[in-house]
Amino acid sequence: MQLICRTIGVALKIIEKLLAENKAALESFYSVTIETRNSYSVLEQIGKQCNFLQKKGEVDEMRTATRMINDWQNGLLLI
């Protein structure tokens, strides 16, 4: 459980940093239009766009967060 919280927390920090410094890069990379400053809402929006859904259409937050962290580590998300 702790790993899940940490993974999502790291992804939320990445989102916060990109919203503050290069929102356009985040929007273009994940093909989303961000209209909020709430990093958790952005995580859910990206999860929906990537079709990372669980049963009942809920966003798979862990899978979305893992993808974002990997994209960040591989240099695909730039500031």
PDB file of N, CA and C in Angstrom:
ATOM      1  N   MET A   1       0.825  -1.198   0.000  1.00  0.00           N
ATOM      2  CA  MET A   1       0.000   0.000   0.000  1.00  0.00           C
ATOM      3  C   MET A   1       0.866   1.257   0.000  1.00  0.00           C
ATOM      4  N   GLN A   2       1.968   1.195   0.736  1.00  0.00           N
ATOM      5  CA  GLN A   2       2.850   2.349   0.814  1.00  0.00           C
ATOM      6  C   GLN A   2       3.465   2.663  -0.548  1.00  0.00           C
ATOM      7  N   LEU A   3       3.810   1.625  -1.302  1.00  0.00           N
ATOM      8  CA  LEU A   3       4.392   1.817  -2.627  1.00  0.00           C
ATOM      9  C   LEU A   3       3.404   2.509  -3.545  1.00  0.00           C
ATOM     10  N   ILE A   4       2.139   2.120  -3.458  1.00  0.00           N
ATOM     11  CA  ILE A   4       1.109   2.733  -4.296  1.00  0.00           C
ATOM     12  C   ILE A   4       1.007   4.222  -3.986  1.00  0.00           C
ATOM     13  N   CYS A   5       0.959   4.564  -2.717  1.00  0.00           N
ATOM     14  CA  CYS A   5       0.859   5.971  -2.313  1.00  0.00           C
ATOM     15  C   CYS A   5       2.071   6.754  -2.779  1.00  0.00           C
ATOM     16  N   ARG A   6       3.245   6.157  -2.655  1.00  0.00           N
ATOM     17  CA  ARG A   6       4.470   6.824  -3.078  1.00  0.00           C
ATOM     18  C   ARG A   6       4.495   7.044  -4.578  1.00  0.00           C
ATOM     19  N   THR A   7       4.102   6.027  -5.339  1.00  0.00           N
ATOM     20  CA  THR A   7       4.116   6.126  -6.796  1.00  0.00           C
ATOM     21  C   THR A   7       3.170   7.225  -7.267  1.00  0.00           C
ATOM     22  N   ILE A   8       1.974   7.231  -6.736  1.00  0.00           N
ATOM     23  CA  ILE A   8       1.003   8.257  -7.121  1.00  0.00           C
ATOM     24  C   ILE A   8       1.482   9.628  -6.660  1.00  0.00           C
ATOM     25  N   GLY A   9       2.074   9.698  -5.483  1.00  0.00           N
ATOM     26  CA  GLY A   9       2.611  10.962  -4.971  1.00  0.00           C
ATOM     27  C   GLY A   9       3.697  11.536  -5.865  1.00  0.00           C
ATOM     28  N   VAL A  10       4.577  10.683  -6.361  1.00  0.00           N
ATOM     29  CA  VAL A  10       5.639  11.136  -7.263  1.00  0.00           C
ATOM     30  C   VAL A  10       5.029  11.657  -8.566  1.00  0.00           C
ATOM     31  N   ALA A  11       4.062  10.941  -9.097  1.00  0.00           N
ATOM     32  CA  ALA A  11       3.402  11.381 -10.331  1.00  0.00           C
ATOM     33  C   ALA A  11       2.711  12.726 -10.125  1.00  0.00           C
ATOM     34  N   LEU A  12       2.086  12.921  -8.980  1.00  0.00           N
ATOM     35  CA  LEU A  12       1.420  14.193  -8.697  1.00  0.00           C
ATOM     36  C   LEU A  12       2.430  15.332  -8.620  1.00  0.00           C
ATOM     37  N   LYS A  13       3.618  15.059  -8.076  1.00  0.00           N
ATOM     38  CA  LYS A  13       4.681  16.078  -8.020  1.00  0.00           C
ATOM     39  C   LYS A  13       5.161  16.435  -9.425  1.00  0.00           C
ATOM     40  N   ILE A  14       5.277  15.435 -10.279  1.00  0.00           N
ATOM     41  CA  ILE A  14       5.674  15.686 -11.670  1.00  0.00           C
ATOM     42  C   ILE A  14       4.632  16.565 -12.348  1.00  0.00           C
ATOM     43  N   ILE A  15       3.360  16.241 -12.132  1.00  0.00           N
ATOM     44  CA  ILE A  15       2.284  17.038 -12.728  1.00  0.00           C
ATOM     45  C   ILE A  15       2.339  18.472 -12.218  1.00  0.00           C
ATOM     46  N   GLU A  16       2.514  18.642 -10.910  1.00  0.00           N
ATOM     47  CA  GLU A  16       2.588  19.990 -10.336  1.00  0.00           C
ATOM     48  C   GLU A  16       3.730  20.785 -10.951  1.00  0.00           C
ATOM     49  N   LYS A  17       4.876  20.149 -11.098  1.00  0.00           N
ATOM     50  CA  LYS A  17       6.046  20.821 -11.680  1.00  0.00           C
ATOM     51  C   LYS A  17       5.783  21.225 -13.123  1.00  0.00           C
ATOM     52  N   LEU A  18       5.195  20.313 -13.900  1.00  0.00           N
ATOM     53  CA  LEU A  18       4.917  20.617 -15.300  1.00  0.00           C
ATOM     54  C   LEU A  18       3.817  21.672 -15.445  1.00  0.00           C
ATOM     55  N   LEU A  19       2.816  21.640 -14.584  1.00  0.00           N
ATOM     56  CA  LEU A  19       1.769  22.666 -14.639  1.00  0.00           C
ATOM     57  C   LEU A  19       2.358  24.047 -14.384  1.00  0.00           C
ATOM     58  N   ALA A  20       3.316  24.112 -13.491  1.00  0.00           N
ATOM     59  CA  ALA A  20       3.931  25.390 -13.144  1.00  0.00           C
ATOM     60  C   ALA A  20       4.928  25.868 -14.192  1.00  0.00           C
ATOM     61  N   GLU A  21       5.633  24.924 -14.825  1.00  0.00           N
ATOM     62  CA  GLU A  21       6.746  25.320 -15.678  1.00  0.00           C
ATOM     63  C   GLU A  21       6.537  25.087 -17.171  1.00  0.00           C
ATOM     64  N   ASN A  22       5.731  24.087 -17.543  1.00  0.00           N
ATOM     65  CA  ASN A  22       5.526  23.827 -18.970  1.00  0.00           C
ATOM     66  C   ASN A  22       4.231  23.044 -19.189  1.00  0.00           C
ATOM     67  N   LYS A  23       3.130  23.707 -18.930  1.00  0.00           N
ATOM     68  CA  LYS A  23       1.813  23.082 -19.061  1.00  0.00           C
ATOM     69  C   LYS A  23       1.568  22.602 -20.491  1.00  0.00           C
ATOM     70  N   ALA A  24       2.040  23.367 -21.473  1.00  0.00           N
ATOM     71  CA  ALA A  24       1.825  23.025 -22.883  1.00  0.00           C
ATOM     72  C   ALA A  24       2.469  21.685 -23.237  1.00  0.00           C
ATOM     73  N   ALA A  25       3.632  21.403 -22.679  1.00  0.00           N
ATOM     74  CA  ALA A  25       4.304  20.136 -22.958  1.00  0.00           C
ATOM     75  C   ALA A  25       3.489  18.969 -22.420  1.00  0.00           C
ATOM     76  N   LEU A  26       2.941  19.135 -21.236  1.00  0.00           N
ATOM     77  CA  LEU A  26       2.112  18.091 -20.626  1.00  0.00           C
ATOM     78  C   LEU A  26       0.862  17.855 -21.462  1.00  0.00           C
ATOM     79  N   GLU A  27       0.221  18.942 -21.888  1.00  0.00           N
ATOM     80  CA  GLU A  27      -0.996  18.831 -22.699  1.00  0.00           C
ATOM     81  C   GLU A  27      -0.716  18.178 -24.051  1.00  0.00           C
ATOM     82  N   SER A  28       0.347  18.578 -24.700  1.00  0.00           N
ATOM     83  CA  SER A  28       0.622  18.027 -26.025  1.00  0.00           C
ATOM     84  C   SER A  28       1.089  16.574 -25.970  1.00  0.00           C
ATOM     85  N   PHE A  29       1.877  16.233 -24.958  1.00  0.00           N
ATOM     86  CA  PHE A  29       2.386  14.860 -24.870  1.00  0.00           C
ATOM     87  C   PHE A  29       1.266  13.859 -24.645  1.00  0.00           C
ATOM     88  N   TYR A  30       0.311  14.195 -23.774  1.00  0.00           N
ATOM     89  CA  TYR A  30      -0.783  13.276 -23.465  1.00  0.00           C
ATOM     90  C   TYR A  30      -2.083  13.609 -24.206  1.00  0.00           C
ATOM     91  N   SER A  31      -2.045  14.578 -25.090  1.00  0.00           N
ATOM     92  CA  SER A  31      -3.214  14.984 -25.894  1.00  0.00           C
ATOM     93  C   SER A  31      -4.429  15.301 -25.012  1.00  0.00           C
ATOM     94  N   VAL A  32      -4.213  16.149 -24.017  1.00  0.00           N
ATOM     95  CA  VAL A  32      -5.290  16.571 -23.125  1.00  0.00           C
ATOM     96  C   VAL A  32      -5.321  18.098 -23.062  1.00  0.00           C
ATOM     97  N   THR A  33      -6.463  18.634 -22.688  1.00  0.00           N
ATOM     98  CA  THR A  33      -6.589  20.056 -22.423  1.00  0.00           C
ATOM     99  C   THR A  33      -6.835  20.205 -20.933  1.00  0.00           C
ATOM    100  N   ILE A  34      -5.911  20.843 -20.262  1.00  0.00           N
ATOM    101  CA  ILE A  34      -5.966  20.955 -18.806  1.00  0.00           C
ATOM    102  C   ILE A  34      -6.577  22.293 -18.423  1.00  0.00           C
ATOM    103  N   GLU A  35      -7.663  22.222 -17.669  1.00  0.00           N
ATOM    104  CA  GLU A  35      -8.357  23.439 -17.255  1.00  0.00           C
ATOM    105  C   GLU A  35      -8.368  23.596 -15.736  1.00  0.00           C
ATOM    106  N   THR A  36      -7.561  22.827 -15.043  1.00  0.00           N
ATOM    107  CA  THR A  36      -7.539  22.868 -13.580  1.00  0.00           C
ATOM    108  C   THR A  36      -6.105  22.875 -13.085  1.00  0.00           C
ATOM    109  N   ARG A  37      -5.929  23.291 -11.850  1.00  0.00           N
ATOM    110  CA  ARG A  37      -4.619  23.255 -11.203  1.00  0.00           C
ATOM    111  C   ARG A  37      -4.519  22.072 -10.252  1.00  0.00           C
ATOM    112  N   ASN A  38      -5.586  21.278 -10.165  1.00  0.00           N
ATOM    113  CA  ASN A  38      -5.622  20.121  -9.280  1.00  0.00           C
ATOM    114  C   ASN A  38      -4.865  18.972  -9.936  1.00  0.00           C
ATOM    115  N   SER A  39      -3.719  18.612  -9.379  1.00  0.00           N
ATOM    116  CA  SER A  39      -2.866  17.603 -10.001  1.00  0.00           C
ATOM    117  C   SER A  39      -3.536  16.229 -10.044  1.00  0.00           C
ATOM    118  N   TYR A  40      -4.354  15.915  -9.042  1.00  0.00           N
ATOM    119  CA  TYR A  40      -5.041  14.620  -9.042  1.00  0.00           C
ATOM    120  C   TYR A  40      -6.055  14.544 -10.189  1.00  0.00           C
ATOM    121  N   SER A  41      -6.756  15.646 -10.452  1.00  0.00           N
ATOM    122  CA  SER A  41      -7.704  15.685 -11.567  1.00  0.00           C
ATOM    123  C   SER A  41      -6.978  15.512 -12.899  1.00  0.00           C
ATOM    124  N   VAL A  42      -5.802  16.103 -12.995  1.00  0.00           N
ATOM    125  CA  VAL A  42      -4.996  15.961 -14.206  1.00  0.00           C
ATOM    126  C   VAL A  42      -4.553  14.507 -14.379  1.00  0.00           C
ATOM    127  N   LEU A  43      -4.144  13.858 -13.280  1.00  0.00           N
ATOM    128  CA  LEU A  43      -3.763  12.442 -13.332  1.00  0.00           C
ATOM    129  C   LEU A  43      -4.925  11.598 -13.857  1.00  0.00           C
ATOM    130  N   GLU A  44      -6.119  11.856 -13.361  1.00  0.00           N
ATOM    131  CA  GLU A  44      -7.298  11.116 -13.824  1.00  0.00           C
ATOM    132  C   GLU A  44      -7.588  11.401 -15.289  1.00  0.00           C
ATOM    133  N   GLN A  45      -7.436  12.640 -15.685  1.00  0.00           N
ATOM    134  CA  GLN A  45      -7.681  13.014 -17.079  1.00  0.00           C
ATOM    135  C   GLN A  45      -6.701  12.297 -18.011  1.00  0.00           C
ATOM    136  N   ILE A  46      -5.451  12.234 -17.620  1.00  0.00           N
ATOM    137  CA  ILE A  46      -4.438  11.544 -18.421  1.00  0.00           C
ATOM    138  C   ILE A  46      -4.741  10.044 -18.461  1.00  0.00           C
ATOM    139  N   GLY A  47      -5.148   9.482 -17.332  1.00  0.00           N
ATOM    140  CA  GLY A  47      -5.520   8.063 -17.289  1.00  0.00           C
ATOM    141  C   GLY A  47      -6.661   7.741 -18.236  1.00  0.00           C
ATOM    142  N   LYS A  48      -7.647   8.608 -18.296  1.00  0.00           N
ATOM    143  CA  LYS A  48      -8.769   8.399 -19.224  1.00  0.00           C
ATOM    144  C   LYS A  48      -8.294   8.493 -20.666  1.00  0.00           C
ATOM    145  N   GLN A  49      -7.463   9.479 -20.939  1.00  0.00           N
ATOM    146  CA  GLN A  49      -6.958   9.668 -22.300  1.00  0.00           C
ATOM    147  C   GLN A  49      -6.117   8.468 -22.751  1.00  0.00           C
ATOM    148  N   CYS A  50      -5.349   7.891 -21.840  1.00  0.00           N
ATOM    149  CA  CYS A  50      -4.511   6.723 -22.158  1.00  0.00           C
ATOM    150  C   CYS A  50      -5.311   5.422 -22.107  1.00  0.00           C
ATOM    151  N   ASN A  51      -6.579   5.526 -21.729  1.00  0.00           N
ATOM    152  CA  ASN A  51      -7.473   4.369 -21.624  1.00  0.00           C
ATOM    153  C   ASN A  51      -6.997   3.380 -20.565  1.00  0.00           C
ATOM    154  N   PHE A  52      -6.457   3.911 -19.482  1.00  0.00           N
ATOM    155  CA  PHE A  52      -6.051   3.089 -18.343  1.00  0.00           C
ATOM    156  C   PHE A  52      -7.220   2.995 -17.376  1.00  0.00           C
ATOM    157  N   LEU A  53      -8.170   2.157 -17.724  1.00  0.00           N
ATOM    158  CA  LEU A  53      -9.403   2.062 -16.953  1.00  0.00           C
ATOM    159  C   LEU A  53      -9.555   0.693 -16.316  1.00  0.00           C
ATOM    160  N   GLN A  54     -10.209   0.693 -15.152  1.00  0.00           N
ATOM    161  CA  GLN A  54     -10.535  -0.542 -14.464  1.00  0.00           C
ATOM    162  C   GLN A  54     -12.017  -0.833 -14.717  1.00  0.00           C
ATOM    163  N   LYS A  55     -12.524  -1.804 -14.028  1.00  0.00           N
ATOM    164  CA  LYS A  55     -13.941  -2.095 -14.132  1.00  0.00           C
ATOM    165  C   LYS A  55     -14.750  -0.874 -13.719  1.00  0.00           C
ATOM    166  N   LYS A  56     -15.914  -0.743 -14.290  1.00  0.00           N
ATOM    167  CA  LYS A  56     -16.839   0.366 -14.018  1.00  0.00           C
ATOM    168  C   LYS A  56     -16.294   1.697 -14.522  1.00  0.00           C
ATOM    169  N   GLY A  57     -15.280   1.686 -15.368  1.00  0.00           N
ATOM    170  CA  GLY A  57     -14.760   2.903 -15.967  1.00  0.00           C
ATOM    171  C   GLY A  57     -13.913   3.772 -15.068  1.00  0.00           C
ATOM    172  N   GLU A  58     -13.505   3.262 -13.924  1.00  0.00           N
ATOM    173  CA  GLU A  58     -12.653   4.037 -13.020  1.00  0.00           C
ATOM    174  C   GLU A  58     -11.215   4.036 -13.539  1.00  0.00           C
ATOM    175  N   VAL A  59     -10.539   5.152 -13.354  1.00  0.00           N
ATOM    176  CA  VAL A  59      -9.156   5.285 -13.812  1.00  0.00           C
ATOM    177  C   VAL A  59      -8.236   4.439 -12.940  1.00  0.00           C
ATOM    178  N   ASP A  60      -7.332   3.718 -13.589  1.00  0.00           N
ATOM    179  CA  ASP A  60      -6.300   2.953 -12.879  1.00  0.00           C
ATOM    180  C   ASP A  60      -5.168   3.930 -12.542  1.00  0.00           C
ATOM    181  N   GLU A  61      -5.248   4.508 -11.351  1.00  0.00           N
ATOM    182  CA  GLU A  61      -4.309   5.558 -10.949  1.00  0.00           C
ATOM    183  C   GLU A  61      -2.872   5.059 -10.900  1.00  0.00           C
ATOM    184  N   MET A  62      -2.683   3.840 -10.406  1.00  0.00           N
ATOM    185  CA  MET A  62      -1.338   3.290 -10.278  1.00  0.00           C
ATOM    186  C   MET A  62      -0.688   3.124 -11.654  1.00  0.00           C
ATOM    187  N   ARG A  63      -1.436   2.594 -12.590  1.00  0.00           N
ATOM    188  CA  ARG A  63      -0.896   2.393 -13.950  1.00  0.00           C
ATOM    189  C   ARG A  63      -0.582   3.733 -14.610  1.00  0.00           C
ATOM    190  N   THR A  64      -1.476   4.707 -14.420  1.00  0.00           N
ATOM    191  CA  THR A  64      -1.250   6.043 -14.981  1.00  0.00           C
ATOM    192  C   THR A  64      -0.017   6.680 -14.353  1.00  0.00           C
ATOM    193  N   ALA A  65       0.104   6.593 -13.037  1.00  0.00           N
ATOM    194  CA  ALA A  65       1.249   7.179 -12.336  1.00  0.00           C
ATOM    195  C   ALA A  65       2.553   6.519 -12.781  1.00  0.00           C
ATOM    196  N   THR A  66       2.548   5.204 -12.916  1.00  0.00           N
ATOM    197  CA  THR A  66       3.744   4.478 -13.352  1.00  0.00           C
ATOM    198  C   THR A  66       4.153   4.914 -14.751  1.00  0.00           C
ATOM    199  N   ARG A  67       3.188   5.065 -15.636  1.00  0.00           N
ATOM    200  CA  ARG A  67       3.484   5.508 -17.002  1.00  0.00           C
ATOM    201  C   ARG A  67       4.093   6.901 -16.990  1.00  0.00           C
ATOM    202  N   MET A  68       3.514   7.796 -16.190  1.00  0.00           N
ATOM    203  CA  MET A  68       4.031   9.164 -16.136  1.00  0.00           C
ATOM    204  C   MET A  68       5.461   9.194 -15.596  1.00  0.00           C
ATOM    205  N   ILE A  69       5.724   8.419 -14.565  1.00  0.00           N
ATOM    206  CA  ILE A  69       7.078   8.377 -13.997  1.00  0.00           C
ATOM    207  C   ILE A  69       8.058   7.834 -15.028  1.00  0.00           C
ATOM    208  N   ASN A  70       7.675   6.789 -15.734  1.00  0.00           N
ATOM    209  CA  ASN A  70       8.545   6.228 -16.779  1.00  0.00           C
ATOM    210  C   ASN A  70       8.789   7.243 -17.889  1.00  0.00           C
ATOM    211  N   ASP A  71       7.753   7.953 -18.306  1.00  0.00           N
ATOM    212  CA  ASP A  71       7.916   8.985 -19.343  1.00  0.00           C
ATOM    213  C   ASP A  71       8.873  10.071 -18.873  1.00  0.00           C
ATOM    214  N   TRP A  72       8.755  10.455 -17.609  1.00  0.00           N
ATOM    215  CA  TRP A  72       9.635  11.473 -17.021  1.00  0.00           C
ATOM    216  C   TRP A  72      11.080  10.963 -16.993  1.00  0.00           C
ATOM    217  N   GLN A  73      11.267   9.738 -16.524  1.00  0.00           N
ATOM    218  CA  GLN A  73      12.620   9.180 -16.406  1.00  0.00           C
ATOM    219  C   GLN A  73      13.281   8.984 -17.756  1.00  0.00           C
ATOM    220  N   ASN A  74      12.470   8.702 -18.767  1.00  0.00           N
ATOM    221  CA  ASN A  74      13.023   8.490 -20.110  1.00  0.00           C
ATOM    222  C   ASN A  74      13.196   9.788 -20.894  1.00  0.00           C
ATOM    223  N   GLY A  75      12.920  10.915 -20.250  1.00  0.00           N
ATOM    224  CA  GLY A  75      13.140  12.211 -20.895  1.00  0.00           C
ATOM    225  C   GLY A  75      12.066  12.599 -21.896  1.00  0.00           C
ATOM    226  N   LEU A  76      10.916  11.986 -21.826  1.00  0.00           N
ATOM    227  CA  LEU A  76       9.854  12.296 -22.773  1.00  0.00           C
ATOM    228  C   LEU A  76       9.045  13.510 -22.338  1.00  0.00           C
ATOM    229  N   LEU A  77       8.999  13.768 -21.031  1.00  0.00           N
ATOM    230  CA  LEU A  77       8.318  14.944 -20.497  1.00  0.00           C
ATOM    231  C   LEU A  77       9.377  15.980 -20.167  1.00  0.00           C
ATOM    232  N   LEU A  78       9.367  17.059 -20.887  1.00  0.00           N
ATOM    233  CA  LEU A  78      10.403  18.066 -20.697  1.00  0.00           C
ATOM    234  C   LEU A  78       9.832  19.338 -20.087  1.00  0.00           C
ATOM    235  N   ILE A  79      10.657  20.009 -19.331  1.00  0.00           N
ATOM    236  CA  ILE A  79      10.243  21.269 -18.711  1.00  0.00           C
ATOM    237  C   ILE A  79      10.651  22.414 -19.607  1.00  0.00           C
TER     238      ILE A  79
END
